[in-house]
Amino acid sequence: MTIAKLSELGITHLPDHTELPESDGNFVKNFQEHPQSILLTDSVQGILQQIHPDNQYCIGQDCGIYWRLTEPPERGAEAPDWFYVPNVAPMLNGQFRHSYVLWQEYVAPLIVL
């Protein structure tokens, strides 16, 4: 497999979470998906506060984890129903993350459901 350099692709900078779509326009797969994500987040919140008293973690629901550059951008993303990333700030440049961009963060173990 050959990996092209960014300059060969005409890319001058890697986009951040504000420059990438936060939705692909598709509806959730079923009506239980969102309530289940909220239930999961609520059930682990106390443990996460103990593990991360500095609040350095990110939980995402129904948004993209961008890991490669593609056209359209959504094709370079996984969109799990729920994910947790330890040791990262939930906000980036003063804004809550619209998506999670792997090429901008050191990635600790990522838990995806």
PDB file of N, CA and C in Angstrom:
ATOM      1  N   MET A   1       0.846  -1.180   0.000  1.00  0.00           N
ATOM      2  CA  MET A   1       0.000   0.000   0.000  1.00  0.00           C
ATOM      3  C   MET A   1       0.885   1.235   0.000  1.00  0.00           C
ATOM      4  N   THR A   2       0.544   2.201  -0.830  1.00  0.00           N
ATOM      5  CA  THR A   2       1.279   3.452  -0.911  1.00  0.00           C
ATOM      6  C   THR A   2       0.468   4.544  -0.228  1.00  0.00           C
ATOM      7  N   ILE A   3       1.122   5.301   0.610  1.00  0.00           N
ATOM      8  CA  ILE A   3       0.461   6.415   1.290  1.00  0.00           C
ATOM      9  C   ILE A   3       0.972   7.714   0.675  1.00  0.00           C
ATOM     10  N   ALA A   4       0.066   8.506   0.152  1.00  0.00           N
ATOM     11  CA  ALA A   4       0.440   9.770  -0.481  1.00  0.00           C
ATOM     12  C   ALA A   4       0.747  10.816   0.574  1.00  0.00           C
ATOM     13  N   LYS A   5       1.673  11.689   0.225  1.00  0.00           N
ATOM     14  CA  LYS A   5       1.973  12.824   1.094  1.00  0.00           C
ATOM     15  C   LYS A   5       0.866  13.861   0.943  1.00  0.00           C
ATOM     16  N   LEU A   6       0.664  14.649   2.007  1.00  0.00           N
ATOM     17  CA  LEU A   6      -0.391  15.665   1.962  1.00  0.00           C
ATOM     18  C   LEU A   6      -0.201  16.608   0.783  1.00  0.00           C
ATOM     19  N   SER A   7       1.054  17.008   0.519  1.00  0.00           N
ATOM     20  CA  SER A   7       1.316  17.945  -0.574  1.00  0.00           C
ATOM     21  C   SER A   7       0.949  17.330  -1.927  1.00  0.00           C
ATOM     22  N   GLU A   8       1.109  16.012  -2.073  1.00  0.00           N
ATOM     23  CA  GLU A   8       0.744  15.344  -3.316  1.00  0.00           C
ATOM     24  C   GLU A   8      -0.759  15.344  -3.538  1.00  0.00           C
ATOM     25  N   LEU A   9      -1.511  15.427  -2.466  1.00  0.00           N
ATOM     26  CA  LEU A   9      -2.971  15.454  -2.553  1.00  0.00           C
ATOM     27  C   LEU A   9      -3.519  16.878  -2.652  1.00  0.00           C
ATOM     28  N   GLY A  10      -2.621  17.878  -2.634  1.00  0.00           N
ATOM     29  CA  GLY A  10      -3.052  19.267  -2.683  1.00  0.00           C
ATOM     30  C   GLY A  10      -3.591  19.777  -1.367  1.00  0.00           C
ATOM     31  N   ILE A  11      -3.244  19.103  -0.266  1.00  0.00           N
ATOM     32  CA  ILE A  11      -3.739  19.485   1.057  1.00  0.00           C
ATOM     33  C   ILE A  11      -2.697  20.383   1.726  1.00  0.00           C
ATOM     34  N   THR A  12      -3.118  21.573   2.115  1.00  0.00           N
ATOM     35  CA  THR A  12      -2.184  22.504   2.755  1.00  0.00           C
ATOM     36  C   THR A  12      -2.254  22.457   4.270  1.00  0.00           C
ATOM     37  N   HIS A  13      -3.375  21.984   4.804  1.00  0.00           N
ATOM     38  CA  HIS A  13      -3.492  21.826   6.257  1.00  0.00           C
ATOM     39  C   HIS A  13      -4.528  20.748   6.555  1.00  0.00           C
ATOM     40  N   LEU A  14      -4.399  20.149   7.717  1.00  0.00           N
ATOM     41  CA  LEU A  14      -5.378  19.157   8.138  1.00  0.00           C
ATOM     42  C   LEU A  14      -6.540  19.869   8.810  1.00  0.00           C
ATOM     43  N   PRO A  15      -7.764  19.559   8.433  1.00  0.00           N
ATOM     44  CA  PRO A  15      -8.914  20.235   9.047  1.00  0.00           C
ATOM     45  C   PRO A  15      -9.073  19.843  10.510  1.00  0.00           C
ATOM     46  N   ASP A  16      -9.650  20.754  11.277  1.00  0.00           N
ATOM     47  CA  ASP A  16      -9.942  20.443  12.675  1.00  0.00           C
ATOM     48  C   ASP A  16     -11.430  20.111  12.805  1.00  0.00           C
ATOM     49  N   HIS A  17     -11.879  19.940  14.030  1.00  0.00           N
ATOM     50  CA  HIS A  17     -13.260  19.510  14.253  1.00  0.00           C
ATOM     51  C   HIS A  17     -14.294  20.527  13.783  1.00  0.00           C
ATOM     52  N   THR A  18     -13.907  21.790  13.639  1.00  0.00           N
ATOM     53  CA  THR A  18     -14.869  22.806  13.195  1.00  0.00           C
ATOM     54  C   THR A  18     -15.019  22.835  11.680  1.00  0.00           C
ATOM     55  N   GLU A  19     -14.083  22.242  10.970  1.00  0.00           N
ATOM     56  CA  GLU A  19     -14.100  22.277   9.511  1.00  0.00           C
ATOM     57  C   GLU A  19     -14.672  21.002   8.884  1.00  0.00           C
ATOM     58  N   LEU A  20     -15.035  20.047   9.709  1.00  0.00           N
ATOM     59  CA  LEU A  20     -15.553  18.771   9.215  1.00  0.00           C
ATOM     60  C   LEU A  20     -17.029  18.624   9.563  1.00  0.00           C
ATOM     61  N   PRO A  21     -17.779  17.912   8.740  1.00  0.00           N
ATOM     62  CA  PRO A  21     -19.199  17.708   9.049  1.00  0.00           C
ATOM     63  C   PRO A  21     -19.370  16.966  10.366  1.00  0.00           C
ATOM     64  N   GLU A  22     -20.375  17.360  11.128  1.00  0.00           N
ATOM     65  CA  GLU A  22     -20.664  16.656  12.375  1.00  0.00           C
ATOM     66  C   GLU A  22     -21.807  15.667  12.198  1.00  0.00           C
ATOM     67  N   SER A  23     -22.381  15.630  11.011  1.00  0.00           N
ATOM     68  CA  SER A  23     -23.474  14.705  10.719  1.00  0.00           C
ATOM     69  C   SER A  23     -23.417  14.338   9.249  1.00  0.00           C
ATOM     70  N   ASP A  24     -23.841  13.124   8.941  1.00  0.00           N
ATOM     71  CA  ASP A  24     -23.915  12.729   7.537  1.00  0.00           C
ATOM     72  C   ASP A  24     -25.330  12.855   6.990  1.00  0.00           C
ATOM     73  N   GLY A  25     -26.232  13.397   7.795  1.00  0.00           N
ATOM     74  CA  GLY A  25     -27.593  13.619   7.347  1.00  0.00           C
ATOM     75  C   GLY A  25     -28.507  12.409   7.457  1.00  0.00           C
ATOM     76  N   ASN A  26     -27.956  11.284   7.897  1.00  0.00           N
ATOM     77  CA  ASN A  26     -28.775  10.082   8.050  1.00  0.00           C
ATOM     78  C   ASN A  26     -29.447  10.062   9.411  1.00  0.00           C
ATOM     79  N   PHE A  27     -30.615   9.477   9.457  1.00  0.00           N
ATOM     80  CA  PHE A  27     -31.308   9.312  10.721  1.00  0.00           C
ATOM     81  C   PHE A  27     -30.672   8.170  11.503  1.00  0.00           C
ATOM     82  N   VAL A  28     -30.884   8.166  12.799  1.00  0.00           N
ATOM     83  CA  VAL A  28     -30.376   7.065  13.619  1.00  0.00           C
ATOM     84  C   VAL A  28     -31.012   5.765  13.153  1.00  0.00           C
ATOM     85  N   LYS A  29     -30.353   4.666  13.475  1.00  0.00           N
ATOM     86  CA  LYS A  29     -30.812   3.361  12.997  1.00  0.00           C
ATOM     87  C   LYS A  29     -32.135   2.928  13.631  1.00  0.00           C
ATOM     88  N   ASN A  30     -32.334   3.277  14.913  1.00  0.00           N
ATOM     89  CA  ASN A  30     -33.597   2.945  15.565  1.00  0.00           C
ATOM     90  C   ASN A  30     -33.857   3.944  16.682  1.00  0.00           C
ATOM     91  N   PHE A  31     -35.068   3.985  17.151  1.00  0.00           N
ATOM     92  CA  PHE A  31     -35.473   5.003  18.123  1.00  0.00           C
ATOM     93  C   PHE A  31     -34.831   4.808  19.492  1.00  0.00           C
ATOM     94  N   GLN A  32     -34.279   3.633  19.769  1.00  0.00           N
ATOM     95  CA  GLN A  32     -33.658   3.379  21.076  1.00  0.00           C
ATOM     96  C   GLN A  32     -32.204   3.824  21.139  1.00  0.00           C
ATOM     97  N   GLU A  33     -31.607   4.106  20.013  1.00  0.00           N
ATOM     98  CA  GLU A  33     -30.181   4.404  19.947  1.00  0.00           C
ATOM     99  C   GLU A  33     -29.777   5.585  20.843  1.00  0.00           C
ATOM    100  N   HIS A  34     -30.445   6.700  20.709  1.00  0.00           N
ATOM    101  CA  HIS A  34     -30.074   7.883  21.492  1.00  0.00           C
ATOM    102  C   HIS A  34     -30.318   7.687  22.995  1.00  0.00           C
ATOM    103  N   PRO A  35     -31.486   7.207  23.410  1.00  0.00           N
ATOM    104  CA  PRO A  35     -31.671   6.977  24.851  1.00  0.00           C
ATOM    105  C   PRO A  35     -30.654   5.982  25.435  1.00  0.00           C
ATOM    106  N   GLN A  36     -30.277   4.965  24.665  1.00  0.00           N
ATOM    107  CA  GLN A  36     -29.296   4.010  25.159  1.00  0.00           C
ATOM    108  C   GLN A  36     -27.924   4.662  25.340  1.00  0.00           C
ATOM    109  N   SER A  37     -27.543   5.555  24.429  1.00  0.00           N
ATOM    110  CA  SER A  37     -26.275   6.275  24.557  1.00  0.00           C
ATOM    111  C   SER A  37     -26.273   7.150  25.805  1.00  0.00           C
ATOM    112  N   ILE A  38     -27.379   7.812  26.054  1.00  0.00           N
ATOM    113  CA  ILE A  38     -27.489   8.661  27.248  1.00  0.00           C
ATOM    114  C   ILE A  38     -27.417   7.814  28.506  1.00  0.00           C
ATOM    115  N   LEU A  39     -28.104   6.684  28.511  1.00  0.00           N
ATOM    116  CA  LEU A  39     -28.078   5.782  29.661  1.00  0.00           C
ATOM    117  C   LEU A  39     -26.658   5.282  29.933  1.00  0.00           C
ATOM    118  N   LEU A  40     -25.946   4.903  28.876  1.00  0.00           N
ATOM    119  CA  LEU A  40     -24.565   4.444  29.035  1.00  0.00           C
ATOM    120  C   LEU A  40     -23.682   5.550  29.601  1.00  0.00           C
ATOM    121  N   THR A  41     -23.787   6.750  29.059  1.00  0.00           N
ATOM    122  CA  THR A  41     -22.989   7.876  29.548  1.00  0.00           C
ATOM    123  C   THR A  41     -23.308   8.165  31.006  1.00  0.00           C
ATOM    124  N   ASP A  42     -24.578   8.239  31.348  1.00  0.00           N
ATOM    125  CA  ASP A  42     -24.974   8.516  32.731  1.00  0.00           C
ATOM    126  C   ASP A  42     -24.473   7.439  33.690  1.00  0.00           C
ATOM    127  N   SER A  43     -24.468   6.180  33.243  1.00  0.00           N
ATOM    128  CA  SER A  43     -24.065   5.093  34.140  1.00  0.00           C
ATOM    129  C   SER A  43     -22.566   5.065  34.410  1.00  0.00           C
ATOM    130  N   VAL A  44     -21.752   5.599  33.505  1.00  0.00           N
ATOM    131  CA  VAL A  44     -20.292   5.592  33.726  1.00  0.00           C
ATOM    132  C   VAL A  44     -19.757   6.948  34.177  1.00  0.00           C
ATOM    133  N   GLN A  45     -20.603   7.957  34.239  1.00  0.00           N
ATOM    134  CA  GLN A  45     -20.153   9.322  34.567  1.00  0.00           C
ATOM    135  C   GLN A  45     -19.438   9.398  35.913  1.00  0.00           C
ATOM    136  N   GLY A  46     -19.964   8.747  36.943  1.00  0.00           N
ATOM    137  CA  GLY A  46     -19.329   8.787  38.261  1.00  0.00           C
ATOM    138  C   GLY A  46     -17.943   8.182  38.258  1.00  0.00           C
ATOM    139  N   ILE A  47     -17.778   7.065  37.588  1.00  0.00           N
ATOM    140  CA  ILE A  47     -16.467   6.413  37.477  1.00  0.00           C
ATOM    141  C   ILE A  47     -15.494   7.300  36.711  1.00  0.00           C
ATOM    142  N   LEU A  48     -15.975   7.899  35.614  1.00  0.00           N
ATOM    143  CA  LEU A  48     -15.104   8.760  34.816  1.00  0.00           C
ATOM    144  C   LEU A  48     -14.654   9.984  35.601  1.00  0.00           C
ATOM    145  N   GLN A  49     -15.518  10.519  36.457  1.00  0.00           N
ATOM    146  CA  GLN A  49     -15.121  11.646  37.296  1.00  0.00           C
ATOM    147  C   GLN A  49     -14.027  11.245  38.276  1.00  0.00           C
ATOM    148  N   GLN A  50     -14.073  10.003  38.781  1.00  0.00           N
ATOM    149  CA  GLN A  50     -13.019   9.516  39.673  1.00  0.00           C
ATOM    150  C   GLN A  50     -11.714   9.301  38.915  1.00  0.00           C
ATOM    151  N   ILE A  51     -11.808   8.723  37.716  1.00  0.00           N
ATOM    152  CA  ILE A  51     -10.610   8.459  36.911  1.00  0.00           C
ATOM    153  C   ILE A  51     -10.007   9.752  36.380  1.00  0.00           C
ATOM    154  N   HIS A  52     -10.871  10.700  36.018  1.00  0.00           N
ATOM    155  CA  HIS A  52     -10.442  11.965  35.395  1.00  0.00           C
ATOM    156  C   HIS A  52     -10.968  13.164  36.192  1.00  0.00           C
ATOM    157  N   PRO A  53     -10.435  13.415  37.411  1.00  0.00           N
ATOM    158  CA  PRO A  53     -10.919  14.566  38.170  1.00  0.00           C
ATOM    159  C   PRO A  53     -10.661  15.898  37.456  1.00  0.00           C
ATOM    160  N   ASP A  54      -9.736  15.890  36.494  1.00  0.00           N
ATOM    161  CA  ASP A  54      -9.448  17.093  35.709  1.00  0.00           C
ATOM    162  C   ASP A  54     -10.362  17.229  34.479  1.00  0.00           C
ATOM    163  N   ASN A  55     -11.343  16.301  34.337  1.00  0.00           N
ATOM    164  CA  ASN A  55     -12.296  16.292  33.216  1.00  0.00           C
ATOM    165  C   ASN A  55     -11.632  16.149  31.855  1.00  0.00           C
ATOM    166  N   GLN A  56     -10.473  15.515  31.799  1.00  0.00           N
ATOM    167  CA  GLN A  56      -9.768  15.346  30.529  1.00  0.00           C
ATOM    168  C   GLN A  56     -10.160  14.031  29.870  1.00  0.00           C
ATOM    169  N   TYR A  57     -11.375  13.993  29.349  1.00  0.00           N
ATOM    170  CA  TYR A  57     -11.868  12.866  28.571  1.00  0.00           C
ATOM    171  C   TYR A  57     -12.977  13.369  27.660  1.00  0.00           C
ATOM    172  N   CYS A  58     -13.233  12.605  26.639  1.00  0.00           N
ATOM    173  CA  CYS A  58     -14.257  13.009  25.681  1.00  0.00           C
ATOM    174  C   CYS A  58     -15.197  11.833  25.442  1.00  0.00           C
ATOM    175  N   ILE A  59     -16.486  12.089  25.518  1.00  0.00           N
ATOM    176  CA  ILE A  59     -17.505  11.106  25.159  1.00  0.00           C
ATOM    177  C   ILE A  59     -18.262  11.665  23.961  1.00  0.00           C
ATOM    178  N   GLY A  60     -18.422  10.840  22.968  1.00  0.00           N
ATOM    179  CA  GLY A  60     -19.152  11.254  21.778  1.00  0.00           C
ATOM    180  C   GLY A  60     -20.306  10.310  21.515  1.00  0.00           C
ATOM    181  N   GLN A  61     -21.371  10.862  20.985  1.00  0.00           N
ATOM    182  CA  GLN A  61     -22.547  10.069  20.631  1.00  0.00           C
ATOM    183  C   GLN A  61     -23.012  10.501  19.252  1.00  0.00           C
ATOM    184  N   ASP A  62     -23.129   9.541  18.361  1.00  0.00           N
ATOM    185  CA  ASP A  62     -23.640   9.813  17.018  1.00  0.00           C
ATOM    186  C   ASP A  62     -22.880  10.931  16.303  1.00  0.00           C
ATOM    187  N   CYS A  63     -21.576  10.942  16.434  1.00  0.00           N
ATOM    188  CA  CYS A  63     -20.762  11.889  15.685  1.00  0.00           C
ATOM    189  C   CYS A  63     -19.539  11.153  15.159  1.00  0.00           C
ATOM    190  N   GLY A  64     -18.838  11.774  14.235  1.00  0.00           N
ATOM    191  CA  GLY A  64     -17.761  11.094  13.549  1.00  0.00           C
ATOM    192  C   GLY A  64     -16.442  11.087  14.293  1.00  0.00           C
ATOM    193  N   ILE A  65     -15.698   9.999  14.106  1.00  0.00           N
ATOM    194  CA  ILE A  65     -14.298   9.928  14.501  1.00  0.00           C
ATOM    195  C   ILE A  65     -13.528   9.940  13.187  1.00  0.00           C
ATOM    196  N   TYR A  66     -12.965  11.083  12.845  1.00  0.00           N
ATOM    197  CA  TYR A  66     -12.262  11.232  11.571  1.00  0.00           C
ATOM    198  C   TYR A  66     -10.860  10.680  11.692  1.00  0.00           C
ATOM    199  N   TRP A  67     -10.494   9.807  10.753  1.00  0.00           N
ATOM    200  CA  TRP A  67      -9.186   9.168  10.821  1.00  0.00           C
ATOM    201  C   TRP A  67      -8.428   9.193   9.509  1.00  0.00           C
ATOM    202  N   ARG A  68      -9.083   9.554   8.417  1.00  0.00           N
ATOM    203  CA  ARG A  68      -8.370   9.682   7.148  1.00  0.00           C
ATOM    204  C   ARG A  68      -9.070  10.731   6.292  1.00  0.00           C
ATOM    205  N   LEU A  69      -8.318  11.319   5.383  1.00  0.00           N
ATOM    206  CA  LEU A  69      -8.854  12.343   4.501  1.00  0.00           C
ATOM    207  C   LEU A  69      -9.465  11.696   3.272  1.00  0.00           C
ATOM    208  N   THR A  70     -10.715  12.018   3.008  1.00  0.00           N
ATOM    209  CA  THR A  70     -11.428  11.488   1.848  1.00  0.00           C
ATOM    210  C   THR A  70     -12.324  12.575   1.285  1.00  0.00           C
ATOM    211  N   GLU A  71     -12.893  12.312   0.162  1.00  0.00           N
ATOM    212  CA  GLU A  71     -13.882  13.205  -0.417  1.00  0.00           C
ATOM    213  C   GLU A  71     -15.093  12.361  -0.768  1.00  0.00           C
ATOM    214  N   PRO A  72     -16.251  12.584  -0.203  1.00  0.00           N
ATOM    215  CA  PRO A  72     -16.556  13.581   0.822  1.00  0.00           C
ATOM    216  C   PRO A  72     -15.953  13.200   2.166  1.00  0.00           C
ATOM    217  N   PRO A  73     -15.797  14.186   3.054  1.00  0.00           N
ATOM    218  CA  PRO A  73     -15.132  13.946   4.347  1.00  0.00           C
ATOM    219  C   PRO A  73     -15.769  12.852   5.193  1.00  0.00           C
ATOM    220  N   GLU A  74     -17.098  12.673   5.082  1.00  0.00           N
ATOM    221  CA  GLU A  74     -17.771  11.666   5.920  1.00  0.00           C
ATOM    222  C   GLU A  74     -17.248  10.252   5.667  1.00  0.00           C
ATOM    223  N   ARG A  75     -16.717  10.012   4.476  1.00  0.00           N
ATOM    224  CA  ARG A  75     -16.205   8.675   4.165  1.00  0.00           C
ATOM    225  C   ARG A  75     -14.917   8.367   4.921  1.00  0.00           C
ATOM    226  N   GLY A  76     -14.273   9.370   5.461  1.00  0.00           N
ATOM    227  CA  GLY A  76     -13.055   9.165   6.241  1.00  0.00           C
ATOM    228  C   GLY A  76     -13.330   9.065   7.721  1.00  0.00           C
ATOM    229  N   ALA A  77     -14.577   8.803   8.074  1.00  0.00           N
ATOM    230  CA  ALA A  77     -14.966   8.770   9.474  1.00  0.00           C
ATOM    231  C   ALA A  77     -15.690   7.482   9.818  1.00  0.00           C
ATOM    232  N   GLU A  78     -15.525   7.076  11.034  1.00  0.00           N
ATOM    233  CA  GLU A  78     -16.375   6.064  11.636  1.00  0.00           C
ATOM    234  C   GLU A  78     -17.400   6.835  12.454  1.00  0.00           C
ATOM    235  N   ALA A  79     -18.610   6.364  12.500  1.00  0.00           N
ATOM    236  CA  ALA A  79     -19.651   7.062  13.253  1.00  0.00           C
ATOM    237  C   ALA A  79     -20.298   6.102  14.233  1.00  0.00           C
ATOM    238  N   PRO A  80     -19.594   5.790  15.321  1.00  0.00           N
ATOM    239  CA  PRO A  80     -20.172   4.864  16.298  1.00  0.00           C
ATOM    240  C   PRO A  80     -21.315   5.521  17.062  1.00  0.00           C
ATOM    241  N   ASP A  81     -22.146   4.677  17.641  1.00  0.00           N
ATOM    242  CA  ASP A  81     -23.249   5.194  18.448  1.00  0.00           C
ATOM    243  C   ASP A  81     -22.734   5.883  19.702  1.00  0.00           C
ATOM    244  N   TRP A  82     -21.590   5.428  20.212  1.00  0.00           N
ATOM    245  CA  TRP A  82     -21.041   5.967  21.464  1.00  0.00           C
ATOM    246  C   TRP A  82     -19.547   5.688  21.496  1.00  0.00           C
ATOM    247  N   PHE A  83     -18.753   6.659  21.990  1.00  0.00           N
ATOM    248  CA  PHE A  83     -17.329   6.397  22.184  1.00  0.00           C
ATOM    249  C   PHE A  83     -16.778   7.230  23.335  1.00  0.00           C
ATOM    250  N   TYR A  84     -15.692   6.741  23.904  1.00  0.00           N
ATOM    251  CA  TYR A  84     -15.004   7.390  25.030  1.00  0.00           C
ATOM    252  C   TYR A  84     -13.525   7.449  24.699  1.00  0.00           C
ATOM    253  N   VAL A  85     -12.920   8.628  24.863  1.00  0.00           N
ATOM    254  CA  VAL A  85     -11.489   8.802  24.643  1.00  0.00           C
ATOM    255  C   VAL A  85     -10.905   9.396  25.914  1.00  0.00           C
ATOM    256  N   PRO A  86     -10.012   8.670  26.606  1.00  0.00           N
ATOM    257  CA  PRO A  86      -9.414   9.195  27.834  1.00  0.00           C
ATOM    258  C   PRO A  86      -8.313  10.205  27.540  1.00  0.00           C
ATOM    259  N   ASN A  87      -8.079  11.056  28.507  1.00  0.00           N
ATOM    260  CA  ASN A  87      -6.934  11.981  28.512  1.00  0.00           C
ATOM    261  C   ASN A  87      -6.937  13.005  27.386  1.00  0.00           C
ATOM    262  N   VAL A  88      -8.113  13.480  27.000  1.00  0.00           N
ATOM    263  CA  VAL A  88      -8.241  14.589  26.061  1.00  0.00           C
ATOM    264  C   VAL A  88      -9.284  15.551  26.609  1.00  0.00           C
ATOM    265  N   ALA A  89      -9.140  16.798  26.249  1.00  0.00           N
ATOM    266  CA  ALA A  89     -10.104  17.809  26.690  1.00  0.00           C
ATOM    267  C   ALA A  89     -11.409  17.671  25.907  1.00  0.00           C
ATOM    268  N   PRO A  90     -12.562  17.819  26.592  1.00  0.00           N
ATOM    269  CA  PRO A  90     -13.839  17.760  25.878  1.00  0.00           C
ATOM    270  C   PRO A  90     -14.057  18.979  24.978  1.00  0.00           C
ATOM    271  N   MET A  91     -13.285  20.040  25.223  1.00  0.00           N
ATOM    272  CA  MET A  91     -13.366  21.233  24.392  1.00  0.00           C
ATOM    273  C   MET A  91     -12.031  21.417  23.681  1.00  0.00           C
ATOM    274  N   LEU A  92     -12.085  21.984  22.489  1.00  0.00           N
ATOM    275  CA  LEU A  92     -10.889  22.257  21.707  1.00  0.00           C
ATOM    276  C   LEU A  92     -10.997  23.680  21.202  1.00  0.00           C
ATOM    277  N   ASN A  93     -10.004  24.487  21.512  1.00  0.00           N
ATOM    278  CA  ASN A  93     -10.007  25.899  21.117  1.00  0.00           C
ATOM    279  C   ASN A  93     -11.265  26.627  21.601  1.00  0.00           C
ATOM    280  N   GLY A  94     -11.708  26.281  22.819  1.00  0.00           N
ATOM    281  CA  GLY A  94     -12.849  26.954  23.417  1.00  0.00           C
ATOM    282  C   GLY A  94     -14.209  26.506  22.918  1.00  0.00           C
ATOM    283  N   GLN A  95     -14.262  25.456  22.096  1.00  0.00           N
ATOM    284  CA  GLN A  95     -15.535  24.967  21.566  1.00  0.00           C
ATOM    285  C   GLN A  95     -15.683  23.488  21.895  1.00  0.00           C
ATOM    286  N   PHE A  96     -16.926  23.072  22.224  1.00  0.00           N
ATOM    287  CA  PHE A  96     -17.166  21.648  22.380  1.00  0.00           C
ATOM    288  C   PHE A  96     -16.912  20.982  21.036  1.00  0.00           C
ATOM    289  N   ARG A  97     -16.354  19.802  21.072  1.00  0.00           N
ATOM    290  CA  ARG A  97     -15.993  19.091  19.852  1.00  0.00           C
ATOM    291  C   ARG A  97     -17.234  18.741  19.030  1.00  0.00           C
ATOM    292  N   HIS A  98     -17.179  19.030  17.753  1.00  0.00           N
ATOM    293  CA  HIS A  98     -18.247  18.628  16.836  1.00  0.00           C
ATOM    294  C   HIS A  98     -18.023  17.198  16.383  1.00  0.00           C
ATOM    295  N   SER A  99     -16.767  16.808  16.360  1.00  0.00           N
ATOM    296  CA  SER A  99     -16.355  15.469  15.963  1.00  0.00           C
ATOM    297  C   SER A  99     -15.024  15.218  16.656  1.00  0.00           C
ATOM    298  N   TYR A 100     -14.499  14.046  16.487  1.00  0.00           N
ATOM    299  CA  TYR A 100     -13.205  13.733  17.072  1.00  0.00           C
ATOM    300  C   TYR A 100     -12.235  13.482  15.928  1.00  0.00           C
ATOM    301  N   VAL A 101     -11.162  14.258  15.893  1.00  0.00           N
ATOM    302  CA  VAL A 101     -10.214  14.218  14.790  1.00  0.00           C
ATOM    303  C   VAL A 101      -8.946  13.533  15.273  1.00  0.00           C
ATOM    304  N   LEU A 102      -8.706  12.308  14.797  1.00  0.00           N
ATOM    305  CA  LEU A 102      -7.574  11.530  15.281  1.00  0.00           C
ATOM    306  C   LEU A 102      -6.242  12.123  14.895  1.00  0.00           C
ATOM    307  N   TRP A 103      -6.161  12.822  13.779  1.00  0.00           N
ATOM    308  CA  TRP A 103      -4.862  13.339  13.370  1.00  0.00           C
ATOM    309  C   TRP A 103      -4.461  14.571  14.167  1.00  0.00           C
ATOM    310  N   GLN A 104      -5.317  15.050  15.076  1.00  0.00           N
ATOM    311  CA  GLN A 104      -4.962  16.205  15.893  1.00  0.00           C
ATOM    312  C   GLN A 104      -4.669  15.846  17.334  1.00  0.00           C
ATOM    313  N   GLU A 105      -4.857  14.624  17.714  1.00  0.00           N
ATOM    314  CA  GLU A 105      -4.701  14.233  19.110  1.00  0.00           C
ATOM    315  C   GLU A 105      -3.809  13.020  19.225  1.00  0.00           C
ATOM    316  N   TYR A 106      -3.092  12.942  20.337  1.00  0.00           N
ATOM    317  CA  TYR A 106      -2.454  11.685  20.692  1.00  0.00           C
ATOM    318  C   TYR A 106      -3.586  10.782  21.144  1.00  0.00           C
ATOM    319  N   VAL A 107      -3.700   9.638  20.551  1.00  0.00           N
ATOM    320  CA  VAL A 107      -4.840   8.788  20.845  1.00  0.00           C
ATOM    321  C   VAL A 107      -4.465   7.721  21.848  1.00  0.00           C
ATOM    322  N   ALA A 108      -5.064   7.836  23.010  1.00  0.00           N
ATOM    323  CA  ALA A 108      -4.963   6.782  24.009  1.00  0.00           C
ATOM    324  C   ALA A 108      -5.953   5.707  23.600  1.00  0.00           C
ATOM    325  N   PRO A 109      -6.047   4.630  24.329  1.00  0.00           N
ATOM    326  CA  PRO A 109      -7.042   3.624  23.950  1.00  0.00           C
ATOM    327  C   PRO A 109      -8.425   4.243  23.789  1.00  0.00           C
ATOM    328  N   LEU A 110      -9.073   3.880  22.729  1.00  0.00           N
ATOM    329  CA  LEU A 110     -10.365   4.423  22.366  1.00  0.00           C
ATOM    330  C   LEU A 110     -11.399   3.323  22.541  1.00  0.00           C
ATOM    331  N   ILE A 111     -12.446   3.595  23.306  1.00  0.00           N
ATOM    332  CA  ILE A 111     -13.510   2.610  23.505  1.00  0.00           C
ATOM    333  C   ILE A 111     -14.680   3.021  22.645  1.00  0.00           C
ATOM    334  N   VAL A 112     -15.067   2.153  21.726  1.00  0.00           N
ATOM    335  CA  VAL A 112     -16.123   2.460  20.768  1.00  0.00           C
ATOM    336  C   VAL A 112     -17.209   1.398  20.870  1.00  0.00           C
ATOM    337  N   LEU A 113     -18.464   1.851  20.947  1.00  0.00           N
ATOM    338  CA  LEU A 113     -19.604   0.923  20.938  1.00  0.00           C
ATOM    339  C   LEU A 113     -20.494   1.233  19.767  1.00  0.00           C
TER     340      LEU A 113
END
